[in-house]
């Protein structure tokens, strides 16, 4: 049996490009936010590196948190040298560090780090 395959040309398909119902995107603020977030990541790294390299600071932080001594906890975090304000909260299982920043005078970014220290 012999089959002959006829070549069928595709019919031309004309369509009009429809305009998007959305306005064009503006990435300028997003770009500022990403740049600000990179800075937050660096500041978060400063906090972590400062604690990792000093068992004394780790012990002081955990002791102060266990005693609910917020002033001492804040002092220990400020001593890390991080230029951003770090909000600290803690519970028996871990500590949360929250860093915030602005881009163009508008709050844009939050870095929250939760680190476990117990079970």
Protein backbone atom coordinates (compact mmCIF):
# COMPACT_ATOMS: atom_id res chain seq x y z
CA UNK A 1 0.00 0.00 0.00
CA UNK A 2 1.26 3.38 -0.92
CA UNK A 3 0.22 6.54 0.87
CA UNK A 4 0.78 9.86 -0.68
CA UNK A 5 1.03 12.67 1.86
CA UNK A 6 -0.47 15.78 0.49
CA UNK A 7 1.19 18.88 1.71
CA UNK A 8 -1.53 21.13 3.01
CA UNK A 9 -0.46 24.74 3.41
CA UNK A 10 -1.48 26.47 6.59
CA UNK A 11 -4.02 29.16 5.96
CA UNK A 12 -2.84 32.65 6.77
CA UNK A 13 -3.97 33.76 10.19
CA UNK A 14 -4.28 37.46 10.63
CA UNK A 15 -4.89 38.92 14.01
CA UNK A 16 -4.68 42.31 15.55
CA UNK A 17 -2.41 42.86 18.49
CA UNK A 18 -4.65 43.88 21.33
CA UNK A 19 -3.51 46.52 23.72
CA UNK A 20 -2.84 45.36 27.24
CA UNK A 21 -5.53 46.36 29.75
CA UNK A 22 -2.74 47.08 32.25
CA UNK A 23 -0.58 50.17 32.38
CA UNK A 24 3.11 49.77 31.56
CA UNK A 25 5.19 48.69 34.54
CA UNK A 26 7.57 51.05 36.31
CA UNK A 27 10.48 49.20 37.91
CA UNK A 28 12.20 52.21 39.49
CA UNK A 29 10.80 51.73 43.03
CA UNK A 30 11.24 47.96 42.79
CA UNK A 31 14.89 48.51 41.89
CA UNK A 32 15.32 50.86 44.88
CA UNK A 33 13.69 48.26 47.13
CA UNK A 34 16.00 45.51 45.91
CA UNK A 35 19.04 47.68 46.51
CA UNK A 36 17.79 48.54 50.01
CA UNK A 37 17.15 44.85 50.69
CA UNK A 38 20.73 44.00 49.75
CA UNK A 39 21.84 46.44 52.44
CA UNK A 40 19.46 44.78 54.93
CA UNK A 41 20.99 41.39 54.11
CA UNK A 42 24.45 42.79 54.79
CA UNK A 43 23.26 44.21 58.12
CA UNK A 44 21.65 40.89 59.03
CA UNK A 45 24.92 39.20 58.21
CA UNK A 46 26.73 41.58 60.57
CA UNK A 47 24.42 40.54 63.43
CA UNK A 48 24.81 36.83 62.71
CA UNK A 49 28.58 36.97 62.23
CA UNK A 50 29.03 38.96 65.43
CA UNK A 51 27.11 36.37 67.43
CA UNK A 52 28.70 33.36 65.72
CA UNK A 53 32.22 34.56 66.46
CA UNK A 54 31.58 35.17 70.17
CA UNK A 55 30.27 32.45 72.43
CA UNK A 56 30.31 35.03 75.21
CA UNK A 57 27.79 37.20 73.32
CA UNK A 58 25.63 34.16 72.62
CA UNK A 59 25.60 33.28 76.31
CA UNK A 60 24.88 36.87 77.37
CA UNK A 61 22.04 37.13 74.85
CA UNK A 62 20.41 33.90 75.97
CA UNK A 63 20.84 34.74 79.67
CA UNK A 64 19.31 38.20 79.18
CA UNK A 65 16.43 36.78 77.15
CA UNK A 66 15.78 34.11 79.77
CA UNK A 67 15.60 36.86 82.41
CA UNK A 68 13.32 38.95 80.10
CA UNK A 69 15.88 41.76 80.25
CA UNK A 70 14.97 43.61 77.04
CA UNK A 71 17.42 46.46 77.67
CA UNK A 72 20.39 44.09 77.86
CA UNK A 73 19.23 42.15 74.80
CA UNK A 74 18.98 45.41 72.81
CA UNK A 75 22.39 46.52 74.11
CA UNK A 76 24.02 43.26 73.00
CA UNK A 77 22.53 43.61 69.52
CA UNK A 78 23.57 47.29 69.24
CA UNK A 79 27.13 46.26 70.19
CA UNK A 80 27.29 44.14 67.05
CA UNK A 81 27.81 47.39 65.14
CA UNK A 82 24.83 47.04 62.84
CA UNK A 83 23.70 50.50 61.63
CA UNK A 84 20.05 49.46 61.23
CA UNK A 85 17.61 49.35 64.14
CA UNK A 86 17.03 45.71 65.03
CA UNK A 87 13.75 44.74 66.69
CA UNK A 88 14.29 41.66 68.83
CA UNK A 89 11.75 39.26 70.25
CA UNK A 90 12.38 35.92 71.86
CA UNK A 91 10.71 32.93 73.43
CA UNK A 92 12.01 29.72 75.02
CA UNK A 93 12.69 28.14 71.63
CA UNK A 94 14.38 30.96 69.72
CA UNK A 95 15.02 34.58 68.91
CA UNK A 96 13.63 36.74 66.11
CA UNK A 97 15.58 39.66 64.67
CA UNK A 98 13.61 42.06 62.47
CA UNK A 99 15.38 44.71 60.39
CA UNK A 100 13.47 47.31 58.38
CA UNK A 101 14.53 49.93 55.87
CA UNK A 102 13.17 52.52 53.47
CA UNK A 103 13.64 53.25 49.79
CA UNK A 104 12.97 56.74 48.57
CA UNK A 105 11.58 57.71 51.98
CA UNK A 106 8.95 54.95 51.88
CA UNK A 107 9.10 51.81 54.04
CA UNK A 108 9.81 49.00 51.61
CA UNK A 109 11.68 46.11 53.07
CA UNK A 110 11.69 43.87 56.12
CA UNK A 111 14.20 41.16 56.92
CA UNK A 112 13.03 38.76 59.62
CA UNK A 113 15.44 36.14 60.91
CA UNK A 114 14.20 33.48 63.31
CA UNK A 115 16.96 31.48 64.95
CA UNK A 116 16.23 28.51 67.21
CA UNK A 117 18.20 28.08 70.40
CA UNK A 118 16.23 25.39 72.15
CA UNK A 119 13.70 22.61 71.75
